[in-house]
Every structure is written in structure tokens, then in C-alpha cells.
């Protein structure tokens, strides 16, 4: 884990937030690419040995995002959602509260708020998981939020370092 990481159980601006933040030595556009290009996202988005079997990203407000995670035994876990806000190279907000066509999800879990802020020639990367309830926040912690999201951030940082600026 990066020295610049903060504890991921930190509370953001909302009482049901979980977040990680770190200073990553690449520009915001590179990190944004890793989040918005399906082939790049598949390389870092889940902690290994899990994989991303499929990623469909229609990166625009109202666009569908679908990430199908796969465990080492081959079992797939689809995670559909919708982008709420897209600010190129700066911010992505998406939620699992809706699926394509603004259809309500059966059991919404969280909204993700991802930001890429330039800082001292690097990028302040913040990934926030905003949950619908304290129970959902606690469930995410028990699922391994801290280790999982930090491992993924390490993988993101390593991949971003290999991409041209």
C-alpha cells in the first residue's frame, strides 16, 4: 500500500461514507483513463486473484456501467449501475441504485464518488463509497472494504505508472 494512503474506514462528508485517498505520481488524465476505458479497468478493478470478466462503460451522465467480477472459481458477480456525473479527468459519480434506462435496482448499496485532483505535479486520488444506510456501510467494511479498495488502488497506481502521460 502507498505511504500516502489514508485509512479507508475514514468518514467523508456523509456519515455513511467510506473512503480512501492517496497522492499518485501520475496526471489526472491517466487515472481517469484507467477508470473509463474498459480494457484498462479490467486490469486493476478487483483484488487479484479475482478478475473482471466483462466491463461495459458508457461514460456519460445517464450512461450504463456494468462490471462483472469473477472469483477464482469462475463464479460471476455482475455489478450494474448508472453514471450520475462525469467531469473528464476530474470526477466520476455512479450508483447501483439504477440500471440502464433509469430502472430502479432491487437493492441499492452505494454511490461511488471518484475524484482526480492535480496536486504538486501528481494527482490526489479519492475514492468514496457512499452507502444508503449505516448497516450497508458496516456490511461493506465486513466484506473487506479497507483491504480490497486499497489493493485495487495499488493495482491502479501500478497500471497508471506504465501508461504514457
Protein backbone atom coordinates (compact mmCIF):
# COMPACT_ATOMS: atom_id res chain seq x y z
CA UNK A 1 0.00 0.00 0.00
CA UNK A 2 1.20 3.52 -0.79
CA UNK A 3 2.63 5.60 2.03
CA UNK A 4 0.22 8.34 1.04
CA UNK A 5 -2.82 6.16 1.71
CA UNK A 6 -5.16 7.08 4.47
CA UNK A 7 -7.24 4.68 6.46
CA UNK A 8 -10.10 3.66 4.22
CA UNK A 9 -12.61 3.46 7.02
CA UNK A 10 -12.42 7.24 7.24
CA UNK A 11 -15.71 9.05 7.03
CA UNK A 12 -16.17 11.51 4.18
CA UNK A 13 -18.65 14.35 4.13
CA UNK A 14 -21.55 12.00 4.82
CA UNK A 15 -21.91 9.71 7.83
CA UNK A 16 -22.27 6.59 5.67
CA UNK A 17 -19.11 7.22 3.62
CA UNK A 18 -16.05 5.01 3.39
CA UNK A 19 -13.10 6.43 1.52
CA UNK A 20 -9.51 6.13 0.56
CA UNK A 21 -7.26 8.91 -0.62
CA UNK A 22 -3.69 8.97 -1.79
CA UNK A 23 -1.27 11.03 -3.82
CA UNK A 24 -0.43 9.16 -7.02
CA UNK A 25 2.56 10.22 -9.16
CA UNK A 26 0.71 10.44 -12.50
CA UNK A 27 -1.53 13.09 -14.03
CA UNK A 28 -5.33 13.09 -13.51
CA UNK A 29 -6.00 12.22 -17.16
CA UNK A 30 -4.10 8.94 -16.83
CA UNK A 31 -6.09 7.84 -13.76
CA UNK A 32 -9.31 8.91 -15.46
CA UNK A 33 -8.43 6.69 -18.45
CA UNK A 34 -7.94 3.73 -16.09
CA UNK A 35 -11.47 4.29 -14.78
CA UNK A 36 -13.17 4.96 -18.12
CA UNK A 37 -11.55 2.61 -20.64
CA UNK A 38 -12.94 -0.89 -20.17
CA UNK A 39 -9.74 -2.71 -21.15
CA UNK A 40 -7.74 -0.70 -18.60
CA UNK A 41 -10.36 -1.02 -15.86
CA UNK A 42 -10.33 -4.81 -16.26
CA UNK A 43 -6.63 -4.85 -15.34
CA UNK A 44 -6.92 -3.30 -11.86
CA UNK A 45 -10.52 -3.04 -10.62
CA UNK A 46 -10.68 -6.17 -8.42
CA UNK A 47 -8.12 -7.58 -5.98
CA UNK A 48 -6.21 -10.45 -7.54
CA UNK A 49 -6.77 -13.39 -7.90
CA UNK A 50 -10.27 -12.11 -8.78
CA UNK A 51 -10.71 -10.81 -12.33
CA UNK A 52 -13.10 -8.66 -14.31
CA UNK A 53 -14.84 -10.95 -16.79
CA UNK A 54 -16.57 -8.08 -18.60
CA UNK A 55 -16.76 -4.31 -18.42
CA UNK A 56 -19.19 -2.11 -20.35
CA UNK A 57 -18.74 1.60 -19.73
CA UNK A 58 -20.96 4.24 -21.35
CA UNK A 59 -19.20 7.14 -19.64
CA UNK A 60 -21.74 9.96 -19.69
CA UNK A 61 -24.45 11.11 -17.28
CA UNK A 62 -27.20 8.51 -17.59
CA UNK A 63 -24.88 6.02 -19.28
CA UNK A 64 -24.75 2.43 -18.09
CA UNK A 65 -21.77 0.91 -16.35
CA UNK A 66 -21.57 -2.83 -15.94
CA UNK A 67 -18.63 -4.56 -14.31
CA UNK A 68 -18.81 -8.34 -13.98
CA UNK A 69 -16.39 -9.52 -11.31
CA UNK A 70 -15.25 -13.15 -11.32
CA UNK A 71 -13.91 -15.10 -8.36
CA UNK A 72 -11.07 -17.64 -8.73
CA UNK A 73 -13.64 -20.46 -9.11
CA UNK A 74 -15.25 -18.76 -12.11
CA UNK A 75 -18.41 -17.55 -10.38
CA UNK A 76 -19.52 -14.19 -11.79
CA UNK A 77 -20.88 -11.21 -9.87
CA UNK A 78 -22.49 -8.58 -12.11
CA UNK A 79 -22.47 -5.00 -10.82
CA UNK A 80 -24.74 -2.84 -12.99
CA UNK A 81 -25.11 0.86 -12.46
CA UNK A 82 -25.54 4.28 -13.99
CA UNK A 83 -23.23 7.28 -14.22
CA UNK A 84 -24.69 10.33 -12.50
CA UNK A 85 -21.89 12.83 -13.08
CA UNK A 86 -18.91 12.80 -15.43
CA UNK A 87 -16.31 15.57 -15.44
CA UNK A 88 -13.50 14.47 -17.75
CA UNK A 89 -10.18 13.94 -15.93
CA UNK A 90 -11.63 15.21 -12.63
CA UNK A 91 -14.66 13.34 -11.29
CA UNK A 92 -16.89 10.31 -11.78
CA UNK A 93 -20.06 9.62 -9.82
CA UNK A 94 -22.01 6.43 -10.38
CA UNK A 95 -24.56 4.39 -8.47
CA UNK A 96 -26.03 0.94 -8.32
CA UNK A 97 -29.41 2.46 -7.35
CA UNK A 98 -30.38 2.39 -11.03
CA UNK A 99 -29.65 0.23 -14.03
CA UNK A 100 -29.83 1.15 -17.73
CA UNK A 101 -32.80 3.29 -18.67
CA UNK A 102 -33.07 4.64 -15.09
CA UNK A 103 -34.70 1.43 -13.92
CA UNK A 104 -34.55 1.22 -10.11
CA UNK A 105 -32.31 -1.53 -8.77
CA UNK A 106 -33.81 -4.15 -6.49
CA UNK A 107 -31.39 -3.45 -3.64
CA UNK A 108 -29.20 -0.37 -3.99
CA UNK A 109 -25.98 -0.50 -1.99
CA UNK A 110 -23.89 2.59 -2.69
CA UNK A 111 -22.90 5.54 -4.82
CA UNK A 112 -19.24 5.91 -5.77
CA UNK A 113 -17.64 9.34 -5.95
CA UNK A 114 -14.21 9.23 -7.56
CA UNK A 115 -12.08 12.36 -7.85
CA UNK A 116 -8.77 13.15 -9.51
CA UNK A 117 -7.33 16.48 -8.30
CA UNK A 118 -3.98 17.83 -9.52
CA UNK A 119 -1.57 18.36 -6.63
CA UNK A 120 2.13 19.20 -6.82
CA UNK A 121 2.57 17.60 -10.23
CA UNK A 122 0.75 14.44 -9.12
CA UNK A 123 -2.90 13.50 -8.52
CA UNK A 124 -4.84 13.44 -5.26
CA UNK A 125 -6.98 10.35 -5.85
CA UNK A 126 -10.05 9.97 -3.67
CA UNK A 127 -12.48 7.06 -3.91
CA UNK A 128 -15.59 7.41 -1.78
CA UNK A 129 -18.28 4.76 -1.29
CA UNK A 130 -21.44 6.49 -0.02
CA UNK A 131 -23.88 3.96 1.39
CA UNK A 132 -27.63 4.19 1.81
CA UNK A 133 -27.50 3.23 5.48
CA UNK A 134 -25.16 2.60 8.38
CA UNK A 135 -25.97 -1.09 8.03
CA UNK A 136 -24.77 -1.08 4.39
CA UNK A 137 -21.61 0.81 5.42
CA UNK A 138 -20.87 -1.78 8.11
CA UNK A 139 -21.58 -4.61 5.65
CA UNK A 140 -19.06 -3.11 3.21
CA UNK A 141 -16.45 -2.88 5.97
CA UNK A 142 -17.08 -6.54 6.86
CA UNK A 143 -16.72 -7.51 3.18
CA UNK A 144 -13.17 -6.16 3.27
CA UNK A 145 -13.55 -2.61 2.01
CA UNK A 146 -10.29 -1.41 3.53
CA UNK A 147 -8.01 -4.13 2.18
CA UNK A 148 -9.92 -4.58 -1.08
CA UNK A 149 -10.15 -0.94 -2.13
CA UNK A 150 -6.56 -0.25 -1.09
CA UNK A 151 -5.31 -3.29 -3.02
CA UNK A 152 -7.22 -2.07 -6.07
CA UNK A 153 -5.76 1.43 -5.63
CA UNK A 154 -2.28 -0.14 -5.53
CA UNK A 155 -3.08 -2.01 -8.77
CA UNK A 156 -4.48 1.20 -10.30
CA UNK A 157 -1.33 3.10 -9.37
CA UNK A 158 0.93 0.38 -10.80
CA UNK A 159 -1.02 0.25 -14.09
CA UNK A 160 -1.15 4.05 -14.42
CA UNK A 161 2.63 4.22 -14.00
CA UNK A 162 3.03 2.11 -17.16
CA UNK A 163 0.86 4.34 -19.38
CA UNK A 164 2.16 7.25 -21.45
CA UNK A 165 1.46 10.67 -19.93
